[in-house]
Amino acid sequence: MSKAAIEVRFDDDAEYRNIIDALHRASHCDLKRIAQAAGLALEAVTAEAFKKQEDPVRKDKWEALRKARGPLAAKPGSKTPILNDRGTLKKSITFHAFDDGSVIIGSNLVYAGIHQTGGKTKAHTIKRGNAVIQHPGSKIPPRPFLGVPKDFQESFFSDPAIKKLLGIAIGAE
């Protein structure tokens, strides 16, 4: 059986020390801090989806509202932003970063899922004053506000602050 070996010699001890230090930093990076940075970046992606009223992944515009409602609709000349009547859904977006570097982003509102994926609500009773109305349910079109854009990973990991957290020497790639 043949043997193979590689011998690497550095003429400059400082160059060797820099490589060892970079490897040490990369192997001891704080994954939770990176996940927190990713969570903040994904919150920004979601805020942009609400602002542009489009799917953050496919960039498809959300289906328009059939009828504007809520406090903004009462103002003359006002357009009610889709999924932003009172801002409750948008304000409910939070993330949780974990020690292993993973992150979960979402909303704890019961109606968030149906707006993300679309669907039909159940039949229910609506009380307005003395009137009781049997509502058959509503068809809600999908209006995705959560998602990871195709270029997210590349732009996230090219950020100098993330490179620093990872222990990557900027300009050394």
N, C-alpha and C. Protein backbone atom coordinates (compact mmCIF):
# COMPACT_ATOMS: atom_id res chain seq x y z
N MET A 1 0.84 -1.16 0.00
CA MET A 1 0.00 0.00 0.00
C MET A 1 0.89 1.24 0.00
N SER A 2 0.56 2.18 -0.86
CA SER A 2 1.37 3.39 -0.93
C SER A 2 0.88 4.41 0.08
N LYS A 3 1.77 5.27 0.45
CA LYS A 3 1.45 6.32 1.41
C LYS A 3 1.47 7.66 0.70
N ALA A 4 0.69 8.58 1.23
CA ALA A 4 0.69 9.94 0.69
C ALA A 4 0.88 10.89 1.86
N ALA A 5 1.61 11.93 1.62
CA ALA A 5 1.84 12.92 2.66
C ALA A 5 2.00 14.29 2.02
N ILE A 6 1.58 15.27 2.74
CA ILE A 6 1.75 16.65 2.30
C ILE A 6 2.45 17.38 3.43
N GLU A 7 3.47 18.07 3.09
CA GLU A 7 4.17 18.87 4.08
C GLU A 7 4.02 20.33 3.68
N VAL A 8 3.58 21.15 4.64
CA VAL A 8 3.41 22.58 4.39
C VAL A 8 4.37 23.31 5.29
N ARG A 9 5.15 24.20 4.67
CA ARG A 9 6.09 25.00 5.45
C ARG A 9 5.78 26.47 5.22
N PHE A 10 5.74 27.20 6.31
CA PHE A 10 5.52 28.64 6.22
C PHE A 10 6.84 29.33 6.50
N ASP A 11 7.20 30.22 5.60
CA ASP A 11 8.41 31.00 5.81
C ASP A 11 8.17 32.08 6.85
N ASP A 12 6.92 32.47 6.98
CA ASP A 12 6.56 33.55 7.88
C ASP A 12 5.73 32.98 9.02
N ASP A 13 6.26 33.01 10.24
CA ASP A 13 5.56 32.48 11.40
C ASP A 13 4.25 33.25 11.67
N ALA A 14 4.20 34.53 11.34
CA ALA A 14 3.00 35.33 11.54
C ALA A 14 1.87 34.83 10.64
N GLU A 15 2.20 34.42 9.41
CA GLU A 15 1.18 33.90 8.49
C GLU A 15 0.58 32.62 9.06
N TYR A 16 1.43 31.75 9.59
CA TYR A 16 0.97 30.51 10.21
C TYR A 16 0.05 30.83 11.39
N ARG A 17 0.43 31.75 12.24
CA ARG A 17 -0.36 32.12 13.42
C ARG A 17 -1.72 32.68 12.98
N ASN A 18 -1.76 33.50 11.91
CA ASN A 18 -3.02 34.05 11.40
C ASN A 18 -3.96 32.94 10.94
N ILE A 19 -3.43 31.94 10.27
CA ILE A 19 -4.25 30.82 9.80
C ILE A 19 -4.81 30.03 10.98
N ILE A 20 -3.97 29.73 11.94
CA ILE A 20 -4.40 28.99 13.14
C ILE A 20 -5.45 29.80 13.90
N ASP A 21 -5.25 31.10 14.04
CA ASP A 21 -6.22 31.95 14.74
C ASP A 21 -7.56 31.98 14.01
N ALA A 22 -7.53 32.07 12.68
CA ALA A 22 -8.77 32.09 11.89
C ALA A 22 -9.51 30.77 12.03
N LEU A 23 -8.80 29.66 11.99
CA LEU A 23 -9.43 28.35 12.16
C LEU A 23 -10.04 28.22 13.57
N HIS A 24 -9.33 28.72 14.56
CA HIS A 24 -9.84 28.67 15.93
C HIS A 24 -11.12 29.50 16.05
N ARG A 25 -11.11 30.72 15.50
CA ARG A 25 -12.31 31.58 15.57
C ARG A 25 -13.48 30.93 14.84
N ALA A 26 -13.23 30.35 13.67
CA ALA A 26 -14.30 29.73 12.89
C ALA A 26 -14.89 28.52 13.62
N SER A 27 -14.06 27.79 14.34
CA SER A 27 -14.56 26.61 15.03
C SER A 27 -15.22 26.95 16.37
N HIS A 28 -15.08 28.18 16.82
CA HIS A 28 -15.67 28.60 18.09
C HIS A 28 -16.61 29.78 17.93
N CYS A 29 -17.20 29.92 16.76
CA CYS A 29 -18.10 31.05 16.55
C CYS A 29 -19.39 30.86 17.35
N ASP A 30 -20.01 31.97 17.67
CA ASP A 30 -21.24 31.96 18.46
C ASP A 30 -22.42 31.79 17.50
N LEU A 31 -22.87 30.55 17.34
CA LEU A 31 -23.93 30.25 16.38
C LEU A 31 -25.24 30.96 16.74
N LYS A 32 -25.51 31.13 18.02
CA LYS A 32 -26.75 31.79 18.41
C LYS A 32 -26.76 33.25 17.95
N ARG A 33 -25.62 33.92 18.03
CA ARG A 33 -25.54 35.32 17.56
C ARG A 33 -25.75 35.39 16.05
N ILE A 34 -25.26 34.40 15.34
CA ILE A 34 -25.47 34.36 13.89
C ILE A 34 -26.95 34.12 13.60
N ALA A 35 -27.58 33.22 14.36
CA ALA A 35 -29.01 32.96 14.19
C ALA A 35 -29.82 34.21 14.53
N GLN A 36 -29.41 34.96 15.54
CA GLN A 36 -30.11 36.21 15.88
C GLN A 36 -29.99 37.20 14.73
N ALA A 37 -28.82 37.29 14.14
CA ALA A 37 -28.63 38.18 12.99
C ALA A 37 -29.50 37.74 11.82
N ALA A 38 -29.59 36.43 11.60
CA ALA A 38 -30.45 35.90 10.53
C ALA A 38 -31.91 36.21 10.82
N GLY A 39 -32.33 36.07 12.08
CA GLY A 39 -33.70 36.40 12.47
C GLY A 39 -34.03 37.86 12.20
N LEU A 40 -33.11 38.75 12.54
CA LEU A 40 -33.33 40.17 12.28
C LEU A 40 -33.41 40.44 10.77
N ALA A 41 -32.55 39.77 10.01
CA ALA A 41 -32.58 39.94 8.56
C ALA A 41 -33.89 39.41 7.97
N LEU A 42 -34.39 38.29 8.49
CA LEU A 42 -35.66 37.74 8.00
C LEU A 42 -36.85 38.61 8.43
N GLU A 43 -36.75 39.25 9.60
CA GLU A 43 -37.79 40.21 10.00
C GLU A 43 -37.83 41.36 8.99
N ALA A 44 -36.66 41.80 8.55
CA ALA A 44 -36.59 42.89 7.55
C ALA A 44 -37.18 42.43 6.22
N VAL A 45 -36.92 41.18 5.83
CA VAL A 45 -37.51 40.62 4.61
C VAL A 45 -39.03 40.63 4.72
N THR A 46 -39.55 40.24 5.88
CA THR A 46 -40.99 40.19 6.10
C THR A 46 -41.59 41.60 6.08
N ALA A 47 -40.93 42.56 6.71
CA ALA A 47 -41.41 43.94 6.69
C ALA A 47 -41.48 44.46 5.25
N GLU A 48 -40.50 44.09 4.45
CA GLU A 48 -40.48 44.50 3.04
C GLU A 48 -41.63 43.84 2.27
N ALA A 49 -41.96 42.59 2.61
CA ALA A 49 -43.09 41.91 1.97
C ALA A 49 -44.39 42.66 2.26
N PHE A 50 -44.57 43.10 3.50
CA PHE A 50 -45.77 43.88 3.84
C PHE A 50 -45.77 45.21 3.10
N LYS A 51 -44.61 45.84 3.03
CA LYS A 51 -44.51 47.15 2.36
C LYS A 51 -44.82 47.03 0.86
N LYS A 52 -44.22 46.04 0.21
CA LYS A 52 -44.42 45.85 -1.23
C LYS A 52 -45.67 45.05 -1.56
N GLN A 53 -46.27 44.42 -0.53
CA GLN A 53 -47.45 43.59 -0.69
C GLN A 53 -47.19 42.48 -1.71
N GLU A 54 -46.09 41.74 -1.45
CA GLU A 54 -45.71 40.66 -2.36
C GLU A 54 -45.03 39.53 -1.62
N ASP A 55 -45.08 38.35 -2.23
CA ASP A 55 -44.41 37.16 -1.72
C ASP A 55 -42.91 37.43 -1.68
N PRO A 56 -42.26 37.26 -0.52
CA PRO A 56 -40.83 37.55 -0.43
C PRO A 56 -39.94 36.58 -1.21
N VAL A 57 -40.48 35.42 -1.58
CA VAL A 57 -39.69 34.42 -2.31
C VAL A 57 -39.91 34.54 -3.81
N ARG A 58 -41.16 34.45 -4.24
CA ARG A 58 -41.48 34.45 -5.68
C ARG A 58 -41.68 35.85 -6.24
N LYS A 59 -41.84 36.83 -5.38
CA LYS A 59 -42.05 38.23 -5.78
C LYS A 59 -43.38 38.47 -6.48
N ASP A 60 -44.34 37.54 -6.32
CA ASP A 60 -45.68 37.71 -6.88
C ASP A 60 -46.44 38.70 -5.99
N LYS A 61 -47.16 39.63 -6.64
CA LYS A 61 -47.99 40.58 -5.89
C LYS A 61 -49.14 39.84 -5.24
N TRP A 62 -49.53 40.29 -4.05
CA TRP A 62 -50.67 39.71 -3.36
C TRP A 62 -51.96 40.07 -4.09
N GLU A 63 -52.93 39.17 -4.02
CA GLU A 63 -54.24 39.45 -4.60
C GLU A 63 -54.86 40.64 -3.87
N ALA A 64 -55.43 41.55 -4.64
CA ALA A 64 -56.03 42.76 -4.07
C ALA A 64 -57.24 42.42 -3.20
N LEU A 65 -57.53 43.32 -2.29
CA LEU A 65 -58.72 43.17 -1.46
C LEU A 65 -59.96 43.43 -2.31
N ARG A 66 -61.01 42.67 -2.06
CA ARG A 66 -62.27 42.92 -2.79
C ARG A 66 -62.93 44.19 -2.27
N LYS A 67 -62.83 44.42 -0.97
CA LYS A 67 -63.45 45.60 -0.37
C LYS A 67 -62.56 46.07 0.77
N ALA A 68 -62.16 47.34 0.71
CA ALA A 68 -61.36 47.89 1.79
C ALA A 68 -62.21 47.99 3.05
N ARG A 69 -61.60 47.69 4.17
CA ARG A 69 -62.32 47.78 5.43
C ARG A 69 -61.35 48.22 6.53
N GLY A 70 -61.93 48.50 7.68
CA GLY A 70 -61.12 48.90 8.82
C GLY A 70 -60.96 50.41 8.89
N PRO A 71 -60.19 50.89 9.85
CA PRO A 71 -60.08 52.33 10.10
C PRO A 71 -59.48 53.10 8.93
N LEU A 72 -58.57 52.50 8.18
CA LEU A 72 -57.96 53.21 7.05
C LEU A 72 -58.93 53.39 5.90
N ALA A 73 -59.87 52.47 5.72
CA ALA A 73 -60.83 52.54 4.61
C ALA A 73 -61.78 53.72 4.78
N ALA A 74 -62.00 54.18 6.00
CA ALA A 74 -62.93 55.28 6.27
C ALA A 74 -62.36 56.64 5.85
N LYS A 75 -61.06 56.73 5.66
CA LYS A 75 -60.44 58.00 5.31
C LYS A 75 -60.58 58.25 3.81
N PRO A 76 -61.08 59.42 3.41
CA PRO A 76 -61.26 59.71 1.99
C PRO A 76 -59.94 59.62 1.21
N GLY A 77 -60.00 58.93 0.08
CA GLY A 77 -58.82 58.80 -0.79
C GLY A 77 -57.78 57.83 -0.29
N SER A 78 -58.05 57.17 0.80
CA SER A 78 -57.09 56.25 1.39
C SER A 78 -57.21 54.86 0.78
N LYS A 79 -56.10 54.20 0.64
CA LYS A 79 -56.08 52.80 0.21
C LYS A 79 -55.65 51.97 1.42
N THR A 80 -56.42 50.96 1.72
CA THR A 80 -56.07 50.09 2.84
C THR A 80 -54.97 49.14 2.38
N PRO A 81 -53.80 49.18 3.01
CA PRO A 81 -52.76 48.21 2.65
C PRO A 81 -53.24 46.79 2.96
N ILE A 82 -52.94 45.87 2.08
CA ILE A 82 -53.34 44.48 2.26
C ILE A 82 -52.63 43.90 3.49
N LEU A 83 -53.36 43.18 4.32
CA LEU A 83 -52.87 42.55 5.56
C LEU A 83 -52.30 43.56 6.54
N ASN A 84 -52.69 44.81 6.42
CA ASN A 84 -52.13 45.83 7.30
C ASN A 84 -53.20 46.79 7.77
N ASP A 85 -54.40 46.29 7.98
CA ASP A 85 -55.52 47.11 8.41
C ASP A 85 -55.18 47.86 9.69
N ARG A 86 -54.83 47.13 10.72
CA ARG A 86 -54.44 47.74 11.99
C ARG A 86 -52.96 47.50 12.30
N GLY A 87 -52.30 46.71 11.50
CA GLY A 87 -50.89 46.43 11.71
C GLY A 87 -50.61 45.32 12.70
N THR A 88 -51.65 44.65 13.18
CA THR A 88 -51.48 43.63 14.21
C THR A 88 -50.66 42.44 13.70
N LEU A 89 -50.98 41.96 12.50
CA LEU A 89 -50.24 40.82 11.95
C LEU A 89 -48.78 41.19 11.74
N LYS A 90 -48.53 42.32 11.14
CA LYS A 90 -47.16 42.75 10.87
C LYS A 90 -46.37 42.90 12.18
N LYS A 91 -47.00 43.46 13.19
CA LYS A 91 -46.33 43.66 14.48
C LYS A 91 -46.10 42.36 15.24
N SER A 92 -46.86 41.31 14.87
CA SER A 92 -46.75 40.03 15.59
C SER A 92 -45.58 39.17 15.12
N ILE A 93 -44.89 39.57 14.07
CA ILE A 93 -43.80 38.75 13.53
C ILE A 93 -42.61 38.82 14.49
N THR A 94 -42.21 37.65 14.97
CA THR A 94 -41.06 37.55 15.86
C THR A 94 -40.23 36.33 15.46
N PHE A 95 -39.05 36.27 16.02
CA PHE A 95 -38.21 35.10 15.75
C PHE A 95 -37.60 34.62 17.06
N HIS A 96 -37.14 33.38 17.01
CA HIS A 96 -36.42 32.80 18.15
C HIS A 96 -35.15 32.16 17.60
N ALA A 97 -34.01 32.58 18.13
CA ALA A 97 -32.71 32.04 17.73
C ALA A 97 -32.28 30.98 18.74
N PHE A 98 -31.69 29.90 18.23
CA PHE A 98 -31.26 28.79 19.06
C PHE A 98 -29.74 28.66 19.09
N ASP A 99 -29.24 28.01 20.13
CA ASP A 99 -27.79 27.83 20.31
C ASP A 99 -27.13 27.09 19.14
N ASP A 100 -27.89 26.22 18.46
CA ASP A 100 -27.30 25.45 17.35
C ASP A 100 -27.24 26.23 16.04
N GLY A 101 -27.65 27.51 16.07
CA GLY A 101 -27.57 28.35 14.87
C GLY A 101 -28.85 28.38 14.05
N SER A 102 -29.88 27.67 14.49
CA SER A 102 -31.14 27.70 13.75
C SER A 102 -32.01 28.85 14.26
N VAL A 103 -32.97 29.23 13.43
CA VAL A 103 -33.87 30.32 13.78
C VAL A 103 -35.27 29.98 13.27
N ILE A 104 -36.27 30.35 14.05
CA ILE A 104 -37.66 30.19 13.65
C ILE A 104 -38.28 31.58 13.64
N ILE A 105 -38.99 31.89 12.55
CA ILE A 105 -39.66 33.19 12.45
C ILE A 105 -41.12 32.93 12.15
N GLY A 106 -42.00 33.74 12.73
CA GLY A 106 -43.41 33.55 12.48
C GLY A 106 -44.27 34.46 13.33
N SER A 107 -45.55 34.13 13.40
CA SER A 107 -46.53 34.87 14.17
C SER A 107 -47.31 33.90 15.04
N ASN A 108 -47.73 34.38 16.21
CA ASN A 108 -48.55 33.54 17.08
C ASN A 108 -50.04 33.83 16.91
N LEU A 109 -50.41 34.64 15.93
CA LEU A 109 -51.82 34.95 15.70
C LEU A 109 -52.50 33.79 14.99
N VAL A 110 -53.71 33.47 15.42
CA VAL A 110 -54.41 32.30 14.88
C VAL A 110 -54.71 32.45 13.39
N TYR A 111 -54.86 33.66 12.91
CA TYR A 111 -55.20 33.86 11.49
C TYR A 111 -53.98 34.04 10.59
N ALA A 112 -52.78 34.02 11.14
CA ALA A 112 -51.57 34.24 10.34
C ALA A 112 -51.41 33.14 9.28
N GLY A 113 -51.65 31.90 9.66
CA GLY A 113 -51.45 30.77 8.74
C GLY A 113 -52.34 30.83 7.52
N ILE A 114 -53.59 31.19 7.70
CA ILE A 114 -54.50 31.22 6.55
C ILE A 114 -54.13 32.34 5.59
N HIS A 115 -53.59 33.43 6.10
CA HIS A 115 -53.13 34.49 5.20
C HIS A 115 -51.85 34.10 4.47
N GLN A 116 -51.00 33.33 5.13
CA GLN A 116 -49.75 32.88 4.51
C GLN A 116 -50.02 31.88 3.39
N THR A 117 -50.89 30.91 3.65
CA THR A 117 -51.08 29.81 2.69
C THR A 117 -52.42 29.85 1.95
N GLY A 118 -53.37 30.67 2.44
CA GLY A 118 -54.70 30.71 1.84
C GLY A 118 -55.56 29.59 2.39
N GLY A 119 -56.86 29.66 2.12
CA GLY A 119 -57.77 28.62 2.57
C GLY A 119 -59.17 29.17 2.74
N LYS A 120 -60.00 28.40 3.39
CA LYS A 120 -61.39 28.81 3.62
C LYS A 120 -61.66 28.77 5.12
N THR A 121 -62.26 29.85 5.62
CA THR A 121 -62.62 29.89 7.03
C THR A 121 -63.88 29.06 7.25
N LYS A 122 -64.09 28.63 8.47
CA LYS A 122 -65.29 27.85 8.80
C LYS A 122 -66.51 28.76 8.85
N ALA A 123 -67.66 28.16 8.65
CA ALA A 123 -68.91 28.89 8.83
C ALA A 123 -68.99 29.34 10.29
N HIS A 124 -69.52 30.54 10.50
CA HIS A 124 -69.59 31.06 11.86
C HIS A 124 -70.72 32.07 11.98
N THR A 125 -71.04 32.42 13.21
CA THR A 125 -72.09 33.38 13.51
C THR A 125 -71.47 34.73 13.80
N ILE A 126 -72.05 35.78 13.21
CA ILE A 126 -71.60 37.15 13.46
C ILE A 126 -72.75 37.89 14.13
N LYS A 127 -72.43 38.57 15.24
CA LYS A 127 -73.45 39.36 15.93
C LYS A 127 -73.13 40.83 15.70
N ARG A 128 -74.13 41.53 15.14
CA ARG A 128 -74.00 42.98 14.94
C ARG A 128 -75.23 43.64 15.56
N GLY A 129 -75.00 44.25 16.71
CA GLY A 129 -76.14 44.84 17.43
C GLY A 129 -77.10 43.74 17.82
N ASN A 130 -78.36 43.88 17.39
CA ASN A 130 -79.37 42.85 17.68
C ASN A 130 -79.43 41.79 16.59
N ALA A 131 -78.73 42.01 15.50
CA ALA A 131 -78.78 41.07 14.37
C ALA A 131 -77.78 39.93 14.56
N VAL A 132 -78.20 38.75 14.14
CA VAL A 132 -77.32 37.58 14.15
C VAL A 132 -77.25 37.07 12.71
N ILE A 133 -76.04 37.01 12.19
CA ILE A 133 -75.84 36.61 10.79
C ILE A 133 -75.08 35.30 10.75
N GLN A 134 -75.58 34.35 9.97
CA GLN A 134 -74.87 33.08 9.76
C GLN A 134 -73.96 33.29 8.55
N HIS A 135 -72.68 33.35 8.80
CA HIS A 135 -71.70 33.56 7.73
C HIS A 135 -71.22 32.20 7.23
N PRO A 136 -71.22 31.98 5.91
CA PRO A 136 -70.84 30.66 5.38
C PRO A 136 -69.34 30.38 5.41
N GLY A 137 -68.55 31.37 5.72
CA GLY A 137 -67.09 31.24 5.66
C GLY A 137 -66.57 32.05 4.50
N SER A 138 -65.29 32.33 4.51
CA SER A 138 -64.69 33.14 3.45
C SER A 138 -63.53 32.40 2.82
N LYS A 139 -63.35 32.61 1.52
CA LYS A 139 -62.18 32.07 0.83
C LYS A 139 -61.09 33.13 0.91
N ILE A 140 -59.99 32.79 1.54
CA ILE A 140 -58.87 33.71 1.72
C ILE A 140 -57.77 33.30 0.74
N PRO A 141 -57.37 34.21 -0.15
CA PRO A 141 -56.29 33.87 -1.07
C PRO A 141 -54.94 33.85 -0.34
N PRO A 142 -54.00 33.06 -0.81
CA PRO A 142 -52.67 33.09 -0.17
C PRO A 142 -52.00 34.43 -0.40
N ARG A 143 -51.45 34.97 0.66
CA ARG A 143 -50.67 36.21 0.59
C ARG A 143 -49.42 36.00 1.45
N PRO A 144 -48.46 35.23 0.90
CA PRO A 144 -47.27 34.89 1.69
C PRO A 144 -46.48 36.12 2.12
N PHE A 145 -46.23 36.21 3.40
CA PHE A 145 -45.44 37.31 3.95
C PHE A 145 -44.16 36.79 4.60
N LEU A 146 -44.09 35.49 4.86
CA LEU A 146 -42.89 34.85 5.41
C LEU A 146 -42.21 34.06 4.31
N GLY A 147 -40.90 34.05 4.32
CA GLY A 147 -40.17 33.25 3.35
C GLY A 147 -38.72 33.70 3.29
N VAL A 148 -37.91 32.85 2.71
CA VAL A 148 -36.48 33.13 2.57
C VAL A 148 -36.20 33.36 1.08
N PRO A 149 -35.86 34.59 0.71
CA PRO A 149 -35.58 34.87 -0.70
C PRO A 149 -34.41 34.04 -1.23
N LYS A 150 -34.40 33.82 -2.54
CA LYS A 150 -33.37 32.99 -3.16
C LYS A 150 -31.96 33.49 -2.89
N ASP A 151 -31.77 34.80 -2.84
CA ASP A 151 -30.43 35.37 -2.66
C ASP A 151 -30.09 35.63 -1.18
N PHE A 152 -30.94 35.19 -0.26
CA PHE A 152 -30.74 35.50 1.15
C PHE A 152 -29.41 34.97 1.68
N GLN A 153 -29.13 33.70 1.43
CA GLN A 153 -27.93 33.09 1.99
C GLN A 153 -26.67 33.81 1.50
N GLU A 154 -26.63 34.07 0.19
CA GLU A 154 -25.45 34.74 -0.38
C GLU A 154 -25.27 36.13 0.21
N SER A 155 -26.35 36.91 0.27
CA SER A 155 -26.22 38.28 0.79
C SER A 155 -25.95 38.27 2.29
N PHE A 156 -26.56 37.33 3.02
CA PHE A 156 -26.36 37.27 4.47
C PHE A 156 -24.91 36.95 4.81
N PHE A 157 -24.37 35.91 4.17
CA PHE A 157 -23.01 35.49 4.51
C PHE A 157 -21.92 36.36 3.88
N SER A 158 -22.29 37.27 2.99
CA SER A 158 -21.29 38.21 2.46
C SER A 158 -21.22 39.48 3.30
N ASP A 159 -22.12 39.61 4.26
CA ASP A 159 -22.13 40.77 5.15
C ASP A 159 -20.87 40.74 6.04
N PRO A 160 -20.10 41.83 6.07
CA PRO A 160 -18.88 41.86 6.89
C PRO A 160 -19.10 41.54 8.36
N ALA A 161 -20.24 41.96 8.91
CA ALA A 161 -20.52 41.67 10.33
C ALA A 161 -20.70 40.17 10.55
N ILE A 162 -21.33 39.48 9.61
CA ILE A 162 -21.52 38.03 9.73
C ILE A 162 -20.18 37.32 9.55
N LYS A 163 -19.40 37.79 8.60
CA LYS A 163 -18.05 37.21 8.41
C LYS A 163 -17.23 37.33 9.69
N LYS A 164 -17.37 38.47 10.36
CA LYS A 164 -16.63 38.67 11.61
C LYS A 164 -17.11 37.69 12.68
N LEU A 165 -18.44 37.50 12.77
CA LEU A 165 -18.98 36.53 13.73
C LEU A 165 -18.49 35.13 13.43
N LEU A 166 -18.35 34.81 12.13
CA LEU A 166 -17.88 33.49 11.74
C LEU A 166 -16.36 33.34 11.89
N GLY A 167 -15.69 34.45 12.12
CA GLY A 167 -14.23 34.39 12.26
C GLY A 167 -13.52 34.37 10.92
N ILE A 168 -14.20 34.83 9.87
CA ILE A 168 -13.58 34.86 8.55
C ILE A 168 -12.90 36.21 8.38
N ALA A 169 -11.62 36.16 8.07
CA ALA A 169 -10.89 37.40 7.84
C ALA A 169 -11.41 38.06 6.57
N ILE A 170 -11.85 39.29 6.68
CA ILE A 170 -12.40 40.00 5.54
C ILE A 170 -11.28 40.27 4.54
N GLY A 171 -11.57 39.92 3.28
CA GLY A 171 -10.58 40.07 2.22
C GLY A 171 -9.67 38.86 2.08
N ALA A 172 -9.87 37.84 2.93
CA ALA A 172 -9.00 36.66 2.89
C ALA A 172 -9.61 35.50 2.11
N GLU A 173 -10.83 35.68 1.57
CA GLU A 173 -11.46 34.54 0.88
C GLU A 173 -10.71 34.23 -0.37
